[in-house]
Amino acid sequence: MAAQKLTKTRLIQIIVMLIILLTAFFYKTYQHYGESSVEKQRESAVQNENILEKEANH
């Protein structure tokens, strides 16, 4: 792989892409642990109750 001189425009392109990727990562992380976390806990609790009811009936 031939080494190339890092130009100013290439450096800006790398920095912009890094910012975009980090923004997407933190957005998805926040979205995952934000509102959906409460809903997932509620669904998990309902599933656990259903399993306990089935085991109690047997």
N, C-alpha and C. Protein backbone atom coordinates (compact mmCIF):
# COMPACT_ATOMS: atom_id res chain seq x y z
N MET A 1 0.85 -1.17 0.00
CA MET A 1 0.00 0.00 0.00
C MET A 1 0.90 1.23 0.00
N ALA A 2 0.72 2.05 -0.98
CA ALA A 2 1.56 3.24 -1.10
C ALA A 2 1.08 4.32 -0.14
N ALA A 3 2.01 4.94 0.52
CA ALA A 3 1.68 6.03 1.44
C ALA A 3 1.43 7.30 0.63
N GLN A 4 0.38 8.00 1.01
CA GLN A 4 0.06 9.25 0.33
C GLN A 4 0.12 10.40 1.33
N LYS A 5 0.42 11.57 0.82
CA LYS A 5 0.46 12.74 1.68
C LYS A 5 -0.96 13.08 2.13
N LEU A 6 -1.11 13.37 3.40
CA LEU A 6 -2.40 13.73 3.94
C LEU A 6 -2.69 15.20 3.63
N THR A 7 -3.63 15.39 2.73
CA THR A 7 -3.95 16.76 2.34
C THR A 7 -4.98 17.35 3.30
N LYS A 8 -5.15 18.64 3.23
CA LYS A 8 -6.09 19.33 4.11
C LYS A 8 -7.52 18.86 3.85
N THR A 9 -7.88 18.69 2.58
CA THR A 9 -9.24 18.25 2.26
C THR A 9 -9.49 16.82 2.72
N ARG A 10 -8.48 15.97 2.60
CA ARG A 10 -8.64 14.58 3.07
C ARG A 10 -8.78 14.53 4.58
N LEU A 11 -8.04 15.36 5.29
CA LEU A 11 -8.15 15.43 6.75
C LEU A 11 -9.55 15.89 7.16
N ILE A 12 -10.07 16.90 6.48
CA ILE A 12 -11.42 17.39 6.77
C ILE A 12 -12.45 16.29 6.49
N GLN A 13 -12.26 15.55 5.41
CA GLN A 13 -13.17 14.47 5.08
C GLN A 13 -13.16 13.40 6.16
N ILE A 14 -12.00 13.04 6.66
CA ILE A 14 -11.88 12.04 7.72
C ILE A 14 -12.55 12.52 8.99
N ILE A 15 -12.35 13.77 9.35
CA ILE A 15 -12.94 14.32 10.57
C ILE A 15 -14.47 14.37 10.46
N VAL A 16 -14.97 14.79 9.30
CA VAL A 16 -16.42 14.85 9.10
C VAL A 16 -17.04 13.45 9.19
N MET A 17 -16.43 12.47 8.57
CA MET A 17 -16.94 11.10 8.65
C MET A 17 -16.91 10.57 10.08
N LEU A 18 -15.85 10.89 10.80
CA LEU A 18 -15.75 10.47 12.20
C LEU A 18 -16.87 11.09 13.03
N ILE A 19 -17.16 12.36 12.81
CA ILE A 19 -18.24 13.03 13.53
C ILE A 19 -19.58 12.39 13.20
N ILE A 20 -19.81 12.09 11.92
CA ILE A 20 -21.07 11.47 11.52
C ILE A 20 -21.24 10.10 12.17
N LEU A 21 -20.19 9.30 12.16
CA LEU A 21 -20.27 7.96 12.75
C LEU A 21 -20.47 8.02 14.26
N LEU A 22 -19.77 8.91 14.93
CA LEU A 22 -19.94 9.05 16.38
C LEU A 22 -21.34 9.55 16.73
N THR A 23 -21.85 10.48 15.93
CA THR A 23 -23.20 10.98 16.17
C THR A 23 -24.22 9.87 16.01
N ALA A 24 -24.09 9.07 14.98
CA ALA A 24 -25.01 7.95 14.77
C ALA A 24 -24.92 6.94 15.92
N PHE A 25 -23.70 6.66 16.37
CA PHE A 25 -23.52 5.71 17.47
C PHE A 25 -24.18 6.19 18.74
N PHE A 26 -23.92 7.45 19.12
CA PHE A 26 -24.48 7.97 20.37
C PHE A 26 -25.99 8.16 20.27
N TYR A 27 -26.50 8.50 19.09
CA TYR A 27 -27.94 8.63 18.91
C TYR A 27 -28.63 7.28 19.12
N LYS A 28 -28.10 6.24 18.49
CA LYS A 28 -28.70 4.92 18.63
C LYS A 28 -28.57 4.40 20.06
N THR A 29 -27.45 4.69 20.70
CA THR A 29 -27.28 4.26 22.09
C THR A 29 -28.28 4.95 22.99
N TYR A 30 -28.44 6.26 22.82
CA TYR A 30 -29.41 7.00 23.62
C TYR A 30 -30.83 6.52 23.34
N GLN A 31 -31.13 6.28 22.09
CA GLN A 31 -32.46 5.82 21.71
C GLN A 31 -32.74 4.45 22.33
N HIS A 32 -31.75 3.58 22.37
CA HIS A 32 -31.92 2.24 22.91
C HIS A 32 -32.17 2.27 24.41
N TYR A 33 -31.41 3.08 25.14
CA TYR A 33 -31.53 3.13 26.58
C TYR A 33 -32.53 4.17 27.07
N GLY A 34 -33.13 4.91 26.17
CA GLY A 34 -34.09 5.94 26.54
C GLY A 34 -35.46 5.35 26.78
N GLU A 35 -36.38 5.67 25.92
CA GLU A 35 -37.78 5.30 26.08
C GLU A 35 -38.00 3.80 25.96
N SER A 36 -37.29 3.14 25.09
CA SER A 36 -37.54 1.73 24.84
C SER A 36 -37.17 0.85 26.03
N SER A 37 -36.29 1.33 26.89
CA SER A 37 -35.87 0.53 28.04
C SER A 37 -37.03 0.26 28.98
N VAL A 38 -37.86 1.27 29.23
CA VAL A 38 -39.01 1.10 30.11
C VAL A 38 -40.00 0.12 29.50
N GLU A 39 -40.24 0.25 28.21
CA GLU A 39 -41.19 -0.64 27.53
C GLU A 39 -40.68 -2.08 27.55
N LYS A 40 -39.39 -2.27 27.34
CA LYS A 40 -38.83 -3.63 27.36
C LYS A 40 -38.95 -4.25 28.75
N GLN A 41 -38.74 -3.46 29.79
CA GLN A 41 -38.86 -3.99 31.15
C GLN A 41 -40.30 -4.40 31.42
N ARG A 42 -41.26 -3.62 30.93
CA ARG A 42 -42.67 -3.95 31.13
C ARG A 42 -43.00 -5.25 30.40
N GLU A 43 -42.54 -5.39 29.15
CA GLU A 43 -42.80 -6.62 28.40
C GLU A 43 -42.16 -7.82 29.09
N SER A 44 -40.96 -7.64 29.62
CA SER A 44 -40.27 -8.73 30.29
C SER A 44 -41.04 -9.15 31.54
N ALA A 45 -41.58 -8.19 32.26
CA ALA A 45 -42.33 -8.51 33.47
C ALA A 45 -43.59 -9.29 33.12
N VAL A 46 -44.26 -8.91 32.06
CA VAL A 46 -45.48 -9.63 31.63
C VAL A 46 -45.12 -11.05 31.22
N GLN A 47 -44.03 -11.23 30.49
CA GLN A 47 -43.62 -12.57 30.08
C GLN A 47 -43.28 -13.42 31.30
N ASN A 48 -42.62 -12.83 32.29
CA ASN A 48 -42.28 -13.58 33.50
C ASN A 48 -43.54 -14.01 34.24
N GLU A 49 -44.55 -13.13 34.29
CA GLU A 49 -45.81 -13.50 34.95
C GLU A 49 -46.47 -14.66 34.22
N ASN A 50 -46.46 -14.62 32.89
CA ASN A 50 -47.08 -15.69 32.11
C ASN A 50 -46.37 -17.01 32.36
N ILE A 51 -45.08 -16.99 32.45
CA ILE A 51 -44.31 -18.22 32.70
C ILE A 51 -44.62 -18.75 34.09
N LEU A 52 -44.68 -17.86 35.08
CA LEU A 52 -44.97 -18.29 36.45
C LEU A 52 -46.37 -18.87 36.56
N GLU A 53 -47.33 -18.29 35.84
CA GLU A 53 -48.70 -18.82 35.85
C GLU A 53 -48.75 -20.21 35.22
N LYS A 54 -48.03 -20.41 34.13
CA LYS A 54 -48.01 -21.72 33.48
C LYS A 54 -47.39 -22.77 34.39
N GLU A 55 -46.31 -22.39 35.09
CA GLU A 55 -45.66 -23.34 35.99
C GLU A 55 -46.53 -23.65 37.18
N ALA A 56 -47.30 -22.67 37.66
CA ALA A 56 -48.17 -22.90 38.81
C ALA A 56 -49.33 -23.82 38.44
N ASN A 57 -49.77 -23.77 37.21
CA ASN A 57 -50.90 -24.60 36.78
C ASN A 57 -50.49 -26.07 36.60
N HIS A 58 -49.25 -26.35 36.45
CA HIS A 58 -48.81 -27.73 36.23
C HIS A 58 -48.49 -28.43 37.48
